[in-house]
Amino acid sequence: MTSVSTQWGIVLHSLLSVLPVVEAVEAGNAIALLLGVVLSITGICACLGAYAHKRNGQI
């Protein structure tokens, strides 16, 4: 099983390799897209962590 950093590297590489192909996408839109993806993943992980703590009776 690959490490988390390797998986993040693969995801980041795939996103960055797709973005230059689309010339209509400006740099600001690309940054907003990457920021949105990162914040969405962080939010999902936070919700899963809160759910797990609640389920185990730790909250």
N, C-alpha and C. Protein backbone atom coordinates (compact mmCIF):
# COMPACT_ATOMS: atom_id res chain seq x y z
N MET A 1 0.84 -1.18 0.00
CA MET A 1 0.00 0.00 0.00
C MET A 1 0.89 1.24 0.00
N THR A 2 0.53 2.19 -0.85
CA THR A 2 1.35 3.39 -0.97
C THR A 2 1.09 4.35 0.19
N SER A 3 2.07 5.17 0.47
CA SER A 3 1.94 6.11 1.58
C SER A 3 1.03 7.28 1.19
N VAL A 4 0.60 8.00 2.20
CA VAL A 4 -0.30 9.13 1.97
C VAL A 4 0.39 10.22 1.15
N SER A 5 1.66 10.47 1.44
CA SER A 5 2.36 11.51 0.69
C SER A 5 2.51 11.13 -0.79
N THR A 6 2.69 9.86 -1.07
CA THR A 6 2.77 9.42 -2.45
C THR A 6 1.42 9.60 -3.14
N GLN A 7 0.34 9.28 -2.44
CA GLN A 7 -0.99 9.45 -3.02
C GLN A 7 -1.28 10.92 -3.29
N TRP A 8 -0.91 11.81 -2.35
CA TRP A 8 -1.11 13.25 -2.55
C TRP A 8 -0.28 13.73 -3.72
N GLY A 9 0.92 13.21 -3.85
CA GLY A 9 1.77 13.60 -4.97
C GLY A 9 1.17 13.21 -6.31
N ILE A 10 0.57 12.03 -6.36
CA ILE A 10 -0.06 11.56 -7.59
C ILE A 10 -1.27 12.45 -7.93
N VAL A 11 -2.07 12.77 -6.93
CA VAL A 11 -3.25 13.61 -7.15
C VAL A 11 -2.82 14.99 -7.62
N LEU A 12 -1.85 15.59 -6.95
CA LEU A 12 -1.38 16.92 -7.32
C LEU A 12 -0.78 16.92 -8.72
N HIS A 13 -0.02 15.90 -9.03
CA HIS A 13 0.59 15.82 -10.36
C HIS A 13 -0.48 15.69 -11.43
N SER A 14 -1.50 14.87 -11.18
CA SER A 14 -2.55 14.70 -12.19
C SER A 14 -3.33 15.99 -12.39
N LEU A 15 -3.59 16.73 -11.30
CA LEU A 15 -4.30 18.01 -11.45
C LEU A 15 -3.46 19.03 -12.20
N LEU A 16 -2.19 19.11 -11.86
CA LEU A 16 -1.32 20.09 -12.50
C LEU A 16 -1.02 19.74 -13.95
N SER A 17 -1.05 18.45 -14.29
CA SER A 17 -0.78 18.07 -15.67
C SER A 17 -1.99 18.35 -16.57
N VAL A 18 -3.18 18.39 -16.00
CA VAL A 18 -4.37 18.67 -16.79
C VAL A 18 -4.55 20.17 -17.00
N LEU A 19 -4.20 20.98 -16.01
CA LEU A 19 -4.46 22.42 -16.07
C LEU A 19 -3.77 23.14 -17.22
N PRO A 20 -2.50 22.87 -17.55
CA PRO A 20 -1.89 23.62 -18.66
C PRO A 20 -2.53 23.32 -20.02
N VAL A 21 -3.17 22.18 -20.18
CA VAL A 21 -3.78 21.82 -21.45
C VAL A 21 -4.94 22.77 -21.76
N VAL A 22 -5.70 23.11 -20.74
CA VAL A 22 -6.84 24.01 -20.92
C VAL A 22 -6.33 25.44 -20.87
N GLU A 23 -6.20 26.06 -22.02
CA GLU A 23 -5.60 27.40 -22.07
C GLU A 23 -6.57 28.47 -21.60
N ALA A 24 -7.86 28.19 -21.59
CA ALA A 24 -8.83 29.20 -21.18
C ALA A 24 -8.83 29.40 -19.66
N VAL A 25 -8.28 28.45 -18.95
CA VAL A 25 -8.24 28.56 -17.50
C VAL A 25 -7.11 29.50 -17.11
N GLU A 26 -7.45 30.55 -16.38
CA GLU A 26 -6.43 31.49 -15.93
C GLU A 26 -5.78 30.97 -14.66
N ALA A 27 -4.70 31.58 -14.28
CA ALA A 27 -3.96 31.14 -13.09
C ALA A 27 -4.82 31.27 -11.84
N GLY A 28 -5.61 32.34 -11.75
CA GLY A 28 -6.48 32.53 -10.58
C GLY A 28 -7.52 31.44 -10.47
N ASN A 29 -8.09 31.02 -11.60
CA ASN A 29 -9.07 29.95 -11.58
C ASN A 29 -8.44 28.62 -11.17
N ALA A 30 -7.21 28.38 -11.61
CA ALA A 30 -6.52 27.15 -11.25
C ALA A 30 -6.23 27.12 -9.75
N ILE A 31 -5.81 28.25 -9.22
CA ILE A 31 -5.53 28.32 -7.78
C ILE A 31 -6.82 28.14 -6.99
N ALA A 32 -7.90 28.76 -7.45
CA ALA A 32 -9.19 28.61 -6.78
C ALA A 32 -9.66 27.16 -6.81
N LEU A 33 -9.44 26.49 -7.93
CA LEU A 33 -9.83 25.08 -8.05
C LEU A 33 -9.04 24.22 -7.08
N LEU A 34 -7.73 24.39 -7.03
CA LEU A 34 -6.89 23.60 -6.13
C LEU A 34 -7.23 23.89 -4.67
N LEU A 35 -7.47 25.16 -4.35
CA LEU A 35 -7.84 25.52 -2.99
C LEU A 35 -9.18 24.92 -2.61
N GLY A 36 -10.12 24.93 -3.53
CA GLY A 36 -11.42 24.32 -3.28
C GLY A 36 -11.33 22.83 -3.04
N VAL A 37 -10.48 22.16 -3.81
CA VAL A 37 -10.30 20.71 -3.63
C VAL A 37 -9.69 20.42 -2.27
N VAL A 38 -8.67 21.18 -1.90
CA VAL A 38 -8.00 20.96 -0.62
C VAL A 38 -8.96 21.22 0.54
N LEU A 39 -9.72 22.31 0.47
CA LEU A 39 -10.66 22.62 1.55
C LEU A 39 -11.79 21.61 1.62
N SER A 40 -12.24 21.11 0.49
CA SER A 40 -13.30 20.10 0.48
C SER A 40 -12.81 18.80 1.14
N ILE A 41 -11.62 18.37 0.79
CA ILE A 41 -11.07 17.15 1.37
C ILE A 41 -10.86 17.33 2.87
N THR A 42 -10.36 18.50 3.28
CA THR A 42 -10.16 18.78 4.70
C THR A 42 -11.49 18.76 5.45
N GLY A 43 -12.52 19.35 4.86
CA GLY A 43 -13.84 19.36 5.48
C GLY A 43 -14.43 17.97 5.62
N ILE A 44 -14.27 17.16 4.60
CA ILE A 44 -14.78 15.78 4.66
C ILE A 44 -14.05 15.00 5.74
N CYS A 45 -12.74 15.15 5.83
CA CYS A 45 -11.98 14.44 6.86
C CYS A 45 -12.37 14.92 8.26
N ALA A 46 -12.62 16.22 8.41
CA ALA A 46 -13.04 16.74 9.71
C ALA A 46 -14.39 16.18 10.12
N CYS A 47 -15.31 16.10 9.17
CA CYS A 47 -16.63 15.54 9.46
C CYS A 47 -16.53 14.06 9.82
N LEU A 48 -15.70 13.32 9.10
CA LEU A 48 -15.52 11.90 9.41
C LEU A 48 -14.90 11.71 10.79
N GLY A 49 -13.94 12.57 11.14
CA GLY A 49 -13.32 12.49 12.46
C GLY A 49 -14.30 12.80 13.57
N ALA A 50 -15.13 13.82 13.36
CA ALA A 50 -16.15 14.17 14.37
C ALA A 50 -17.16 13.04 14.52
N TYR A 51 -17.54 12.44 13.41
CA TYR A 51 -18.48 11.31 13.45
C TYR A 51 -17.88 10.12 14.20
N ALA A 52 -16.60 9.84 13.94
CA ALA A 52 -15.95 8.71 14.60
C ALA A 52 -15.84 8.95 16.11
N HIS A 53 -15.50 10.17 16.51
CA HIS A 53 -15.41 10.49 17.95
C HIS A 53 -16.78 10.39 18.60
N LYS A 54 -17.80 10.86 17.91
CA LYS A 54 -19.16 10.82 18.46
C LYS A 54 -19.62 9.37 18.60
N ARG A 55 -19.30 8.56 17.61
CA ARG A 55 -19.72 7.15 17.62
C ARG A 55 -19.02 6.38 18.75
N ASN A 56 -17.78 6.74 19.04
CA ASN A 56 -17.03 6.06 20.11
C ASN A 56 -17.34 6.64 21.48
N GLY A 57 -18.18 7.65 21.53
CA GLY A 57 -18.55 8.24 22.82
C GLY A 57 -17.50 9.16 23.40
N GLN A 58 -16.61 9.69 22.60
CA GLN A 58 -15.55 10.55 23.08
C GLN A 58 -15.94 12.02 23.10
N ILE A 59 -17.10 12.34 22.51
CA ILE A 59 -17.52 13.75 22.51
C ILE A 59 -18.66 13.89 23.52
